[in-house]
Amino acid sequence: MSQLGYMFLALGTGSYVAAVFHVMTHAFFKALLFLGSGSVIHAMGGEQDMRKMGGLSKYMKITNITFLLGCLAIAGIPGFSGFFSKDEILAGAFATPLSCMH
């Protein structure tokens, strides 16, 4: 829900390009996380009980790395897509006078 909040903040401040940019970046890093989840479920033979999934990083190195990259992007860490889209939204919000936000 927080990502939707960023998108609506961008729309409310008139930063339409930033809102669409964040929708696109969010779609990609969220898709990466869902694909990683599918990879884990597939490797576990369809098992979805998280209590049985400990210690998979040593067996699924690529999935572990892609999960890490997706997490860094969604968290808005500098250098990842989430940082640039969230930064653009916040820049638009700071540039908008309070009198314009009703």
C-alpha atoms as a PDB file:
ATOM      1  CA  MET A   1       0.000   0.000   0.000  1.00  0.00           C
ATOM      2  CA  SER A   2       2.876   2.394   0.638  1.00  0.00           C
ATOM      3  CA  GLN A   3       3.822   2.249  -3.036  1.00  0.00           C
ATOM      4  CA  LEU A   4       0.287   3.309  -3.983  1.00  0.00           C
ATOM      5  CA  GLY A   5       0.679   6.174  -1.528  1.00  0.00           C
ATOM      6  CA  TYR A   6       3.765   7.359  -3.405  1.00  0.00           C
ATOM      7  CA  MET A   7       1.902   7.162  -6.704  1.00  0.00           C
ATOM      8  CA  PHE A   8      -1.051   9.158  -5.393  1.00  0.00           C
ATOM      9  CA  LEU A   9       1.300  11.709  -3.825  1.00  0.00           C
ATOM     10  CA  ALA A  10       2.834  12.217  -7.257  1.00  0.00           C
ATOM     11  CA  LEU A  11      -0.581  12.625  -8.852  1.00  0.00           C
ATOM     12  CA  GLY A  12      -1.703  15.044  -6.144  1.00  0.00           C
ATOM     13  CA  THR A  13       1.307  17.281  -6.709  1.00  0.00           C
ATOM     14  CA  GLY A  14       0.945  17.225 -10.485  1.00  0.00           C
ATOM     15  CA  SER A  15       4.013  15.044 -11.048  1.00  0.00           C
ATOM     16  CA  TYR A  16       2.275  12.770 -13.553  1.00  0.00           C
ATOM     17  CA  VAL A  17       5.483  11.575 -15.225  1.00  0.00           C
ATOM     18  CA  ALA A  18       6.941  10.619 -11.848  1.00  0.00           C
ATOM     19  CA  ALA A  19       3.751   8.705 -10.994  1.00  0.00           C
ATOM     20  CA  VAL A  20       3.882   6.689 -14.214  1.00  0.00           C
ATOM     21  CA  PHE A  21       7.627   6.143 -13.779  1.00  0.00           C
ATOM     22  CA  HIS A  22       7.021   4.742 -10.298  1.00  0.00           C
ATOM     23  CA  VAL A  23       4.198   2.505 -11.553  1.00  0.00           C
ATOM     24  CA  MET A  24       6.570   1.059 -14.141  1.00  0.00           C
ATOM     25  CA  THR A  25       9.524   0.564 -11.791  1.00  0.00           C
ATOM     26  CA  HIS A  26       7.223  -0.896  -9.138  1.00  0.00           C
ATOM     27  CA  ALA A  27       5.816  -3.350 -11.664  1.00  0.00           C
ATOM     28  CA  PHE A  28       9.287  -4.586 -12.539  1.00  0.00           C
ATOM     29  CA  PHE A  29      10.704  -5.037  -9.059  1.00  0.00           C
ATOM     30  CA  LYS A  30       7.454  -6.554  -7.779  1.00  0.00           C
ATOM     31  CA  ALA A  31       7.470  -8.975 -10.727  1.00  0.00           C
ATOM     32  CA  LEU A  32      11.065  -9.904  -9.842  1.00  0.00           C
ATOM     33  CA  LEU A  33       9.979 -10.756  -6.296  1.00  0.00           C
ATOM     34  CA  PHE A  34       7.021 -12.827  -7.509  1.00  0.00           C
ATOM     35  CA  LEU A  35       9.222 -14.719  -9.957  1.00  0.00           C
ATOM     36  CA  GLY A  36      11.657 -15.456  -7.137  1.00  0.00           C
ATOM     37  CA  SER A  37       8.798 -16.768  -5.026  1.00  0.00           C
ATOM     38  CA  GLY A  38       7.760 -19.039  -7.859  1.00  0.00           C
ATOM     39  CA  SER A  39      11.321 -20.274  -8.198  1.00  0.00           C
ATOM     40  CA  VAL A  40      11.415 -21.218  -4.512  1.00  0.00           C
ATOM     41  CA  ILE A  41       8.025 -22.953  -4.657  1.00  0.00           C
ATOM     42  CA  HIS A  42       9.113 -24.861  -7.764  1.00  0.00           C
ATOM     43  CA  ALA A  43      12.399 -25.918  -6.134  1.00  0.00           C
ATOM     44  CA  MET A  44      10.456 -27.107  -3.087  1.00  0.00           C
ATOM     45  CA  GLY A  45       8.271 -29.353  -5.243  1.00  0.00           C
ATOM     46  CA  GLY A  46       5.185 -27.223  -4.769  1.00  0.00           C
ATOM     47  CA  GLU A  47       5.541 -26.949  -0.995  1.00  0.00           C
ATOM     48  CA  GLN A  48       4.381 -23.564   0.286  1.00  0.00           C
ATOM     49  CA  ASP A  49       4.857 -24.001   4.028  1.00  0.00           C
ATOM     50  CA  MET A  50       7.466 -21.389   4.942  1.00  0.00           C
ATOM     51  CA  ARG A  51       8.507 -23.366   8.025  1.00  0.00           C
ATOM     52  CA  LYS A  52      10.117 -25.874   5.649  1.00  0.00           C
ATOM     53  CA  MET A  53      12.055 -23.331   3.608  1.00  0.00           C
ATOM     54  CA  GLY A  54      14.955 -22.367   5.875  1.00  0.00           C
ATOM     55  CA  GLY A  55      18.513 -22.255   4.562  1.00  0.00           C
ATOM     56  CA  LEU A  56      17.676 -22.226   0.862  1.00  0.00           C
ATOM     57  CA  SER A  57      20.161 -19.469  -0.009  1.00  0.00           C
ATOM     58  CA  LYS A  58      23.086 -21.891  -0.199  1.00  0.00           C
ATOM     59  CA  TYR A  59      21.186 -24.085  -2.678  1.00  0.00           C
ATOM     60  CA  MET A  60      19.523 -21.289  -4.709  1.00  0.00           C
ATOM     61  CA  LYS A  61      22.268 -18.691  -5.121  1.00  0.00           C
ATOM     62  CA  ILE A  62      20.821 -16.950  -8.194  1.00  0.00           C
ATOM     63  CA  THR A  63      17.339 -16.752  -6.686  1.00  0.00           C
ATOM     64  CA  ASN A  64      18.875 -15.404  -3.475  1.00  0.00           C
ATOM     65  CA  ILE A  65      20.708 -12.669  -5.385  1.00  0.00           C
ATOM     66  CA  THR A  66      17.638 -11.694  -7.411  1.00  0.00           C
ATOM     67  CA  PHE A  67      15.524 -11.536  -4.242  1.00  0.00           C
ATOM     68  CA  LEU A  68      18.142  -9.267  -2.683  1.00  0.00           C
ATOM     69  CA  LEU A  69      18.148  -6.988  -5.737  1.00  0.00           C
ATOM     70  CA  GLY A  70      14.341  -6.814  -5.732  1.00  0.00           C
ATOM     71  CA  CYS A  71      14.317  -5.967  -2.017  1.00  0.00           C
ATOM     72  CA  LEU A  72      16.895  -3.231  -2.480  1.00  0.00           C
ATOM     73  CA  ALA A  73      14.892  -1.757  -5.359  1.00  0.00           C
ATOM     74  CA  ILE A  74      11.574  -1.751  -3.510  1.00  0.00           C
ATOM     75  CA  ALA A  75      13.262  -0.240  -0.438  1.00  0.00           C
ATOM     76  CA  GLY A  76      14.526   2.695  -2.518  1.00  0.00           C
ATOM     77  CA  ILE A  77      18.241   2.120  -1.979  1.00  0.00           C
ATOM     78  CA  PRO A  78      20.365   4.570  -4.058  1.00  0.00           C
ATOM     79  CA  GLY A  79      21.381   3.155  -7.424  1.00  0.00           C
ATOM     80  CA  PHE A  80      18.234   1.058  -7.834  1.00  0.00           C
ATOM     81  CA  SER A  81      15.092   1.967  -9.772  1.00  0.00           C
ATOM     82  CA  GLY A  82      12.960   2.486  -6.675  1.00  0.00           C
ATOM     83  CA  PHE A  83      15.308   5.193  -5.453  1.00  0.00           C
ATOM     84  CA  PHE A  84      15.019   7.213  -8.651  1.00  0.00           C
ATOM     85  CA  SER A  85      11.242   6.960  -8.929  1.00  0.00           C
ATOM     86  CA  LYS A  86      10.643   7.752  -5.245  1.00  0.00           C
ATOM     87  CA  ASP A  87      13.169  10.594  -5.339  1.00  0.00           C
ATOM     88  CA  GLU A  88      11.395  12.123  -8.333  1.00  0.00           C
ATOM     89  CA  ILE A  89       8.068  11.967  -6.481  1.00  0.00           C
ATOM     90  CA  LEU A  90       9.516  13.557  -3.358  1.00  0.00           C
ATOM     91  CA  ALA A  91      11.212  16.267  -5.436  1.00  0.00           C
ATOM     92  CA  GLY A  92       7.856  17.064  -7.030  1.00  0.00           C
ATOM     93  CA  ALA A  93       6.189  17.198  -3.622  1.00  0.00           C
ATOM     94  CA  PHE A  94       8.813  19.564  -2.210  1.00  0.00           C
ATOM     95  CA  ALA A  95       8.547  21.800  -5.282  1.00  0.00           C
ATOM     96  CA  THR A  96       4.754  22.107  -4.961  1.00  0.00           C
ATOM     97  CA  PRO A  97       3.581  25.011  -2.775  1.00  0.00           C
ATOM     98  CA  LEU A  98       1.317  23.990   0.116  1.00  0.00           C
ATOM     99  CA  SER A  99      -1.383  26.325  -1.187  1.00  0.00           C
ATOM    100  CA  CYS A 100      -1.764  24.070  -4.259  1.00  0.00           C
ATOM    101  CA  MET A 101      -2.470  20.950  -2.212  1.00  0.00           C
ATOM    102  CA  HIS A 102      -6.130  20.894  -1.221  1.00  0.00           C
END
